[in-house]
Protein backbone atom coordinates (compact mmCIF):
# COMPACT_ATOMS: atom_id res chain seq x y z
CA UNK A 1 129.05 46.77 -0.03
CA UNK A 2 129.65 45.42 -3.55
CA UNK A 3 133.02 44.04 -2.46
CA UNK A 4 131.36 42.35 0.53
CA UNK A 5 128.71 40.75 -1.71
CA UNK A 6 131.37 39.47 -4.10
CA UNK A 7 133.43 38.20 -1.17
CA UNK A 8 130.53 36.29 0.35
CA UNK A 9 129.42 34.84 -2.96
CA UNK A 10 132.95 33.60 -3.60
CA UNK A 11 132.56 31.25 -0.65
CA UNK A 12 130.33 29.04 -2.84
CA UNK A 13 132.97 28.40 -5.48
CA UNK A 14 134.93 25.73 -3.68
CA UNK A 15 138.20 25.92 -1.78
CA UNK A 16 140.58 26.99 -4.52
CA UNK A 17 138.15 29.34 -6.25
CA UNK A 18 137.25 31.00 -2.95
CA UNK A 19 140.92 31.48 -2.09
CA UNK A 20 141.67 32.89 -5.53
CA UNK A 21 138.58 35.11 -5.51
CA UNK A 22 139.22 36.64 -2.11
CA UNK A 23 142.90 37.01 -2.98
CA UNK A 24 142.08 38.94 -6.17
CA UNK A 25 139.66 41.20 -4.28
CA UNK A 26 142.31 41.98 -1.65
CA UNK A 27 144.89 42.53 -4.39
CA UNK A 28 142.61 45.02 -6.14
CA UNK A 29 141.92 46.94 -2.91
CA UNK A 30 145.57 47.10 -1.85
CA UNK A 31 146.72 47.94 -5.39
CA UNK A 32 144.40 50.94 -5.47
CA UNK A 33 146.24 52.32 -2.42
CA UNK A 34 149.86 51.21 -2.81
CA UNK A 35 150.26 49.99 -6.38
CA UNK A 36 149.96 46.46 -7.74
CA UNK A 37 153.61 45.48 -7.23
CA UNK A 38 153.58 46.15 -3.48
CA UNK A 39 150.08 44.65 -3.22
CA UNK A 40 151.18 41.46 -4.97
CA UNK A 41 154.17 41.07 -2.66
CA UNK A 42 152.06 41.73 0.41
CA UNK A 43 149.39 39.21 -0.64
CA UNK A 44 152.08 36.62 -1.42
CA UNK A 45 153.55 36.95 2.09
CA UNK A 46 150.09 36.64 3.66
CA UNK A 47 149.41 33.55 1.56
CA UNK A 48 152.69 31.88 2.58
CA UNK A 49 152.00 32.63 6.24
CA UNK A 50 148.58 30.97 6.00
CA UNK A 51 150.02 28.13 3.92
CA UNK A 52 152.26 27.34 6.89
CA UNK A 53 149.18 26.99 9.10
CA UNK A 54 147.41 24.93 6.44
CA UNK A 55 150.25 22.44 5.97
CA UNK A 56 150.71 22.06 9.73
CA UNK A 57 146.98 21.42 10.22
CA UNK A 58 147.03 18.79 7.48
CA UNK A 59 150.06 17.18 9.10
CA UNK A 60 148.00 16.92 12.28
CA UNK A 61 145.20 15.26 10.27
CA UNK A 62 142.71 18.07 10.91
CA UNK A 63 140.00 19.04 8.46
CA UNK A 64 140.95 22.53 7.31
CA UNK A 65 139.70 24.97 4.69
CA UNK A 66 141.92 26.76 2.19
CA UNK A 67 143.24 30.26 3.06
CA UNK A 68 140.77 33.15 2.74
CA UNK A 69 141.46 36.90 2.50
CA UNK A 70 139.64 40.02 3.68
CA UNK A 71 141.12 43.46 2.89
CA UNK A 72 142.57 45.27 5.94
CA UNK A 73 141.85 42.26 8.15
CA UNK A 74 144.31 39.81 6.65
CA UNK A 75 143.90 36.13 5.94
CA UNK A 76 143.01 32.97 7.82
CA UNK A 77 142.38 29.26 7.46
CA UNK A 78 139.15 27.73 8.67
CA UNK A 79 139.81 24.84 11.03
CA UNK A 80 136.71 22.69 10.63
CA UNK A 81 137.75 20.61 13.61
CA UNK A 82 139.65 21.98 16.59
CA UNK A 83 142.95 20.63 18.00
CA UNK A 84 142.50 18.01 20.71
CA UNK A 85 145.39 19.28 22.82
CA UNK A 86 147.52 22.38 23.30
CA UNK A 87 150.57 20.80 21.65
CA UNK A 88 148.69 20.50 18.35
CA UNK A 89 147.34 24.04 18.72
CA UNK A 90 150.82 25.46 19.36
CA UNK A 91 152.33 23.50 16.46
CA UNK A 92 149.77 24.82 13.97
CA UNK A 93 150.05 28.36 15.36
CA UNK A 94 153.85 28.38 15.17
CA UNK A 95 153.89 27.18 11.56
CA UNK A 96 152.33 30.41 10.24
CA UNK A 97 154.83 32.95 11.64
CA UNK A 98 157.67 30.53 10.90
CA UNK A 99 156.71 30.26 7.22
CA UNK A 100 155.98 33.99 7.06
CA UNK A 101 159.36 34.85 8.55
CA UNK A 102 161.21 32.63 6.07
CA UNK A 103 159.30 34.26 3.21
CA UNK A 104 160.05 37.76 4.53
CA UNK A 105 163.74 36.93 4.88
CA UNK A 106 163.79 35.68 1.29
CA UNK A 107 162.24 38.94 0.08
CA UNK A 108 164.68 40.92 2.24
CA UNK A 109 167.74 39.22 0.71
CA UNK A 110 166.20 39.61 -2.74
CA UNK A 111 165.83 43.33 -2.03
CA UNK A 112 169.46 43.58 -0.91
CA UNK A 113 170.68 41.82 -4.03
CA UNK A 114 168.64 44.00 -6.39
CA UNK A 115 168.82 47.24 -4.33
CA UNK A 116 165.01 47.45 -4.54
CA UNK A 117 163.28 49.80 -2.10
CA UNK A 118 159.96 48.24 -3.10
CA UNK A 119 161.03 44.74 -2.09
CA UNK A 120 162.56 46.15 1.09
CA UNK A 121 159.19 47.71 1.96
CA UNK A 122 157.43 44.41 1.27
CA UNK A 123 159.86 42.56 3.55
CA UNK A 124 159.34 45.16 6.29
CA UNK A 125 155.60 44.63 6.11
CA UNK A 126 156.13 40.88 6.40
CA UNK A 127 158.42 41.20 9.42
CA UNK A 128 156.10 43.64 11.18
CA UNK A 129 152.92 41.62 10.59
CA UNK A 130 154.50 38.37 11.75
CA UNK A 131 155.84 40.13 14.84
CA UNK A 132 152.40 41.57 15.53
CA UNK A 133 150.93 38.09 15.18
CA UNK A 134 153.25 36.88 17.95
CA UNK A 135 151.62 39.11 20.57
CA UNK A 136 150.82 36.64 23.39
CA UNK A 137 147.06 37.02 23.29
CA UNK A 138 144.48 34.79 21.64
CA UNK A 139 143.24 34.69 18.84
CA UNK A 140 146.64 35.83 17.50
CA UNK A 141 149.21 33.14 16.76
CA UNK A 142 151.30 34.22 19.74
CA UNK A 143 148.39 33.55 22.08
CA UNK A 144 147.91 30.06 20.66
CA UNK A 145 151.63 29.32 20.94
CA UNK A 146 152.09 30.62 24.49
CA UNK A 147 149.00 28.74 25.63
CA UNK A 148 151.28 25.70 25.86
CA UNK A 149 153.03 27.53 28.72
CA UNK A 150 149.82 28.79 30.34
CA UNK A 151 146.70 30.62 29.14
CA UNK A 152 147.40 33.14 31.89
CA UNK A 153 150.16 34.59 29.70
CA UNK A 154 147.34 36.17 27.66
CA UNK A 155 146.86 38.57 30.57
CA UNK A 156 150.37 39.93 29.88
CA UNK A 157 149.62 40.19 26.18
CA UNK A 158 146.66 42.51 26.71
CA UNK A 159 148.76 45.50 27.94
CA UNK A 160 151.13 44.99 25.01
CA UNK A 161 148.20 45.19 22.60
CA UNK A 162 146.98 48.39 24.30
CA UNK A 163 150.47 49.89 24.05
CA UNK A 164 150.63 49.00 20.35
CA UNK A 165 147.26 50.65 19.79
CA UNK A 166 148.45 53.84 21.49
CA UNK A 167 151.62 53.77 19.36
CA UNK A 168 149.90 52.90 16.08
CA UNK A 169 146.07 53.12 16.29
CA UNK A 170 144.29 50.69 13.98
CA UNK A 171 140.72 49.38 13.59
CA UNK A 172 142.22 45.90 13.25
CA UNK A 173 143.54 46.13 16.81
CA UNK A 174 140.05 47.02 18.02
CA UNK A 175 138.66 43.98 16.20
CA UNK A 176 141.33 41.75 17.73
CA UNK A 177 140.57 43.16 21.18
CA UNK A 178 136.85 42.39 20.79
CA UNK A 179 137.59 38.82 19.75
CA UNK A 180 140.22 38.44 22.47
CA UNK A 181 138.04 39.65 25.35
CA UNK A 182 136.30 36.28 26.03
CA UNK A 183 139.71 34.56 25.89
CA UNK A 184 141.12 37.04 28.39
CA UNK A 185 138.16 36.42 30.69
CA UNK A 186 138.78 32.68 30.41
CA UNK A 187 142.47 33.20 31.21
CA UNK A 188 141.50 35.16 34.32
CA UNK A 189 139.35 32.22 35.48
CA UNK A 190 141.83 29.54 34.37
CA UNK A 191 142.30 26.76 36.93
CA UNK A 192 145.05 24.26 36.03
CA UNK A 193 143.62 21.70 38.45
CA UNK A 194 140.36 21.28 36.52
CA UNK A 195 140.40 17.85 34.78
CA UNK A 196 139.50 19.31 31.37
CA UNK A 197 142.35 21.81 31.62
CA UNK A 198 144.81 19.13 32.74
CA UNK A 199 143.80 16.98 29.76
CA UNK A 200 144.16 19.81 27.22
CA UNK A 201 147.09 21.78 28.62
CA UNK A 202 149.02 18.98 30.30
CA UNK A 203 152.34 18.64 28.41
CA UNK A 204 155.87 17.76 29.57
CA UNK A 205 158.05 20.58 30.85
CA UNK A 206 160.62 19.91 28.12
CA UNK A 207 157.99 20.57 25.48
CA UNK A 208 157.00 23.83 27.16
CA UNK A 209 160.65 24.82 27.27
CA UNK A 210 161.11 24.01 23.58
CA UNK A 211 158.11 25.98 22.40
CA UNK A 212 158.95 28.85 24.75
CA UNK A 213 162.49 29.07 23.36
CA UNK A 214 161.25 28.85 19.77
CA UNK A 215 158.68 31.58 20.43
CA UNK A 216 161.18 33.96 22.04
CA UNK A 217 163.79 33.29 19.37
CA UNK A 218 161.36 33.95 16.52
CA UNK A 219 160.02 37.08 18.23
CA UNK A 220 163.57 38.39 18.78
CA UNK A 221 164.52 37.77 15.15
CA UNK A 222 161.40 39.52 13.89
CA UNK A 223 161.90 42.47 16.25
CA UNK A 224 165.50 42.92 15.06
CA UNK A 225 164.60 42.62 11.39
CA UNK A 226 161.61 44.97 11.74
CA UNK A 227 163.82 47.61 13.34
CA UNK A 228 166.75 47.17 10.95
CA UNK A 229 164.60 47.30 7.80
CA UNK A 230 162.73 50.32 9.17
CA UNK A 231 166.07 52.11 9.56
CA UNK A 232 167.08 51.12 6.02
CA UNK A 233 163.82 52.45 4.58
CA UNK A 234 164.19 55.70 6.52
CA UNK A 235 167.70 56.08 5.15
CA UNK A 236 166.52 55.42 1.61
CA UNK A 237 163.88 58.15 1.92
CA UNK A 238 166.33 60.69 3.42
């Protein structure tokens, strides 16, 4: 409760102070569980992921708040005005996992150069979280990216999220499912012939193909790296 009060009060400090305040709170919570070095690396990767979203939103001339952190939930940016079309939404959504993947790869190669199991564990966390974020269901980044193909893809993302919960139960997945439910209902009712939907989702086929290829390529890279680093960590513990 005290952490929640501090977190809420930090929202009054302004963009940078609120980001720093919530970051420090998350750092303290994670450090108490896994040590400050791992916590610092984990927070840094979260920040770079959200920074990707932030920069992309600014490039699209949207009013956006600085990144905020909540322990065990993650981080987010507050879009104070929503994208006017699905291309903008997909661009902003893609920027986060793209930046997060680059940051995780940098930590991975740093770990290989220094033979650091700690850095290897940090990179694994980055790969896994960015891969999780690419699940094709809104509000995750993957849902916002694949919406450029069709919101109906979210209906395929739901079973994947259920399978992930059965494999690795987590309260965060329950929270995501609660938030995603209205989106899934909207995807079930989606009618591409409605004028509002044509205006928002109507993009050239070439653009759909480009984003689809980028999404699959990034997901494949993250899946490979998540598996490979997991094997490396298992070998280091053996």
